[in-house]
Amino acid sequence: MGPEPAVTLARAPFGKLLFSTGARALPELHVVRVRQYQRAMTRLLGEWITQGDCSREDARRIADRVSGGTARRIYRLDERPAQTG
C-alpha cells in the first residue's frame, strides 16, 4: 500500500495490507512517501469518521494494521524468541 490509501483500502481487506513507500533510489524519497501516506491516511480515516463509516476506534485499528500491525502479526514480531540452553 502506497501513499494513496483510499484506492488500496477499497480493493483489499485491511488485515491483508502492508504499507510500502514504493520509493526507489534516494533515501529522502522514502521519508517523503511516508509523510504523504500519513497525511492521506489521516485525511481518509477522518472523512470516514465524519461520514459515520467507522468509529474512531475502528479508524485506529485500521491505521495500526496497515501501518505495521499486519507485518507484526505475519512475522510474529511481538512474540518473544524461544530461549535456548
C-alpha atoms as a PDB file:
ATOM      1  CA  MET A   1       0.000   0.000   0.000  1.00  0.00           C
ATOM      2  CA  GLY A   2       1.491   3.278  -1.066  1.00  0.00           C
ATOM      3  CA  PRO A   3       0.602   6.894  -0.395  1.00  0.00           C
ATOM      4  CA  GLU A   4      -2.924   6.570  -1.880  1.00  0.00           C
ATOM      5  CA  PRO A   5      -4.785   4.619   0.811  1.00  0.00           C
ATOM      6  CA  ALA A   6      -8.307   5.353  -0.494  1.00  0.00           C
ATOM      7  CA  VAL A   7      -7.658   3.365  -3.664  1.00  0.00           C
ATOM      8  CA  THR A   8      -5.972   0.447  -1.934  1.00  0.00           C
ATOM      9  CA  LEU A   9      -8.374   0.190   1.019  1.00  0.00           C
ATOM     10  CA  ALA A  10     -11.274  -0.076  -1.423  1.00  0.00           C
ATOM     11  CA  ARG A  11      -9.707  -3.157  -3.019  1.00  0.00           C
ATOM     12  CA  ALA A  12      -8.409  -5.376  -0.220  1.00  0.00           C
ATOM     13  CA  PRO A  13      -9.205  -6.423   3.361  1.00  0.00           C
ATOM     14  CA  PHE A  14      -7.443  -4.221   5.924  1.00  0.00           C
ATOM     15  CA  GLY A  15      -5.768  -7.211   7.545  1.00  0.00           C
ATOM     16  CA  LYS A  16      -4.093  -8.198   4.276  1.00  0.00           C
ATOM     17  CA  LEU A  17      -2.435  -4.848   3.555  1.00  0.00           C
ATOM     18  CA  LEU A  18       1.062  -3.661   4.379  1.00  0.00           C
ATOM     19  CA  PHE A  19       2.353  -0.137   3.984  1.00  0.00           C
ATOM     20  CA  SER A  20       5.122   0.345   1.460  1.00  0.00           C
ATOM     21  CA  THR A  21       6.663   3.604   0.366  1.00  0.00           C
ATOM     22  CA  GLY A  22       7.178   2.367  -3.161  1.00  0.00           C
ATOM     23  CA  ALA A  23      10.142   4.728  -3.241  1.00  0.00           C
ATOM     24  CA  ARG A  24      13.345   3.863  -5.016  1.00  0.00           C
ATOM     25  CA  ALA A  25      16.918   5.136  -5.037  1.00  0.00           C
ATOM     26  CA  LEU A  26      17.267   8.224  -2.830  1.00  0.00           C
ATOM     27  CA  PRO A  27      16.614   7.628   0.889  1.00  0.00           C
ATOM     28  CA  GLU A  28      14.908  11.012   1.073  1.00  0.00           C
ATOM     29  CA  LEU A  29      12.147   9.710  -1.173  1.00  0.00           C
ATOM     30  CA  HIS A  30      11.177   7.156   1.464  1.00  0.00           C
ATOM     31  CA  VAL A  31      10.663   9.934   4.011  1.00  0.00           C
ATOM     32  CA  VAL A  32       8.586  11.963   1.568  1.00  0.00           C
ATOM     33  CA  ARG A  33       6.404   8.981   0.724  1.00  0.00           C
ATOM     34  CA  VAL A  34       5.836   8.133   4.396  1.00  0.00           C
ATOM     35  CA  ARG A  35       4.702  11.701   5.046  1.00  0.00           C
ATOM     36  CA  GLN A  36       2.366  11.567   2.033  1.00  0.00           C
ATOM     37  CA  TYR A  37       0.911   8.294   3.275  1.00  0.00           C
ATOM     38  CA  GLN A  38       0.411   9.612   6.810  1.00  0.00           C
ATOM     39  CA  ARG A  39      -1.410  12.714   5.585  1.00  0.00           C
ATOM     40  CA  ALA A  40      -3.566  10.759   3.133  1.00  0.00           C
ATOM     41  CA  MET A  41      -4.447   8.073   5.692  1.00  0.00           C
ATOM     42  CA  THR A  42      -5.291  10.667   8.360  1.00  0.00           C
ATOM     43  CA  ARG A  43      -7.469  12.576   5.899  1.00  0.00           C
ATOM     44  CA  LEU A  44      -9.248   9.423   4.660  1.00  0.00           C
ATOM     45  CA  LEU A  45      -9.953   7.994   8.107  1.00  0.00           C
ATOM     46  CA  GLY A  46     -11.110  11.431   9.296  1.00  0.00           C
ATOM     47  CA  GLU A  47     -13.599  11.502   6.414  1.00  0.00           C
ATOM     48  CA  TRP A  48     -14.816   8.006   7.276  1.00  0.00           C
ATOM     49  CA  ILE A  49     -15.354   9.016  10.902  1.00  0.00           C
ATOM     50  CA  THR A  50     -17.174  12.220   9.916  1.00  0.00           C
ATOM     51  CA  GLN A  51     -19.407  10.343   7.475  1.00  0.00           C
ATOM     52  CA  GLY A  52     -20.165   7.683  10.082  1.00  0.00           C
ATOM     53  CA  ASP A  53     -18.484   4.929   8.082  1.00  0.00           C
ATOM     54  CA  CYS A  54     -16.349   3.916  11.058  1.00  0.00           C
ATOM     55  CA  SER A  55     -15.724   4.870  14.664  1.00  0.00           C
ATOM     56  CA  ARG A  56     -12.529   6.451  15.993  1.00  0.00           C
ATOM     57  CA  GLU A  57     -11.562   3.070  17.465  1.00  0.00           C
ATOM     58  CA  ASP A  58     -12.117   1.358  14.116  1.00  0.00           C
ATOM     59  CA  ALA A  59     -10.007   4.030  12.408  1.00  0.00           C
ATOM     60  CA  ARG A  60      -7.173   3.471  14.907  1.00  0.00           C
ATOM     61  CA  ARG A  61      -7.363  -0.278  14.345  1.00  0.00           C
ATOM     62  CA  ILE A  62      -7.283   0.123  10.553  1.00  0.00           C
ATOM     63  CA  ALA A  63      -4.343   2.530  10.700  1.00  0.00           C
ATOM     64  CA  ASP A  64      -2.447   0.245  13.071  1.00  0.00           C
ATOM     65  CA  ARG A  65      -2.963  -2.823  10.913  1.00  0.00           C
ATOM     66  CA  VAL A  66      -1.936  -1.181   7.663  1.00  0.00           C
ATOM     67  CA  SER A  67       0.941   0.760   9.198  1.00  0.00           C
ATOM     68  CA  GLY A  68       2.621  -2.277  10.716  1.00  0.00           C
ATOM     69  CA  GLY A  69       0.205  -4.443  12.644  1.00  0.00           C
ATOM     70  CA  THR A  70      -0.216  -6.890   9.797  1.00  0.00           C
ATOM     71  CA  ALA A  71       3.551  -7.259   9.438  1.00  0.00           C
ATOM     72  CA  ARG A  72       3.944  -7.777  13.194  1.00  0.00           C
ATOM     73  CA  ARG A  73       1.248 -10.474  13.075  1.00  0.00           C
ATOM     74  CA  ILE A  74       2.539 -12.261   9.963  1.00  0.00           C
ATOM     75  CA  TYR A  75       6.184 -12.247  11.035  1.00  0.00           C
ATOM     76  CA  ARG A  76       5.316 -12.806  14.718  1.00  0.00           C
ATOM     77  CA  LEU A  77       7.360  -9.781  15.717  1.00  0.00           C
ATOM     78  CA  ASP A  78       5.531  -9.320  19.022  1.00  0.00           C
ATOM     79  CA  GLU A  79       6.361 -12.822  20.200  1.00  0.00           C
ATOM     80  CA  ARG A  80       9.377 -13.433  22.394  1.00  0.00           C
ATOM     81  CA  PRO A  81      12.027 -15.648  20.830  1.00  0.00           C
ATOM     82  CA  ALA A  82      12.372 -19.148  22.234  1.00  0.00           C
ATOM     83  CA  GLN A  83      15.174 -19.421  24.755  1.00  0.00           C
ATOM     84  CA  THR A  84      17.850 -21.983  24.115  1.00  0.00           C
ATOM     85  CA  GLY A  85      20.082 -23.819  26.509  1.00  0.00           C
END
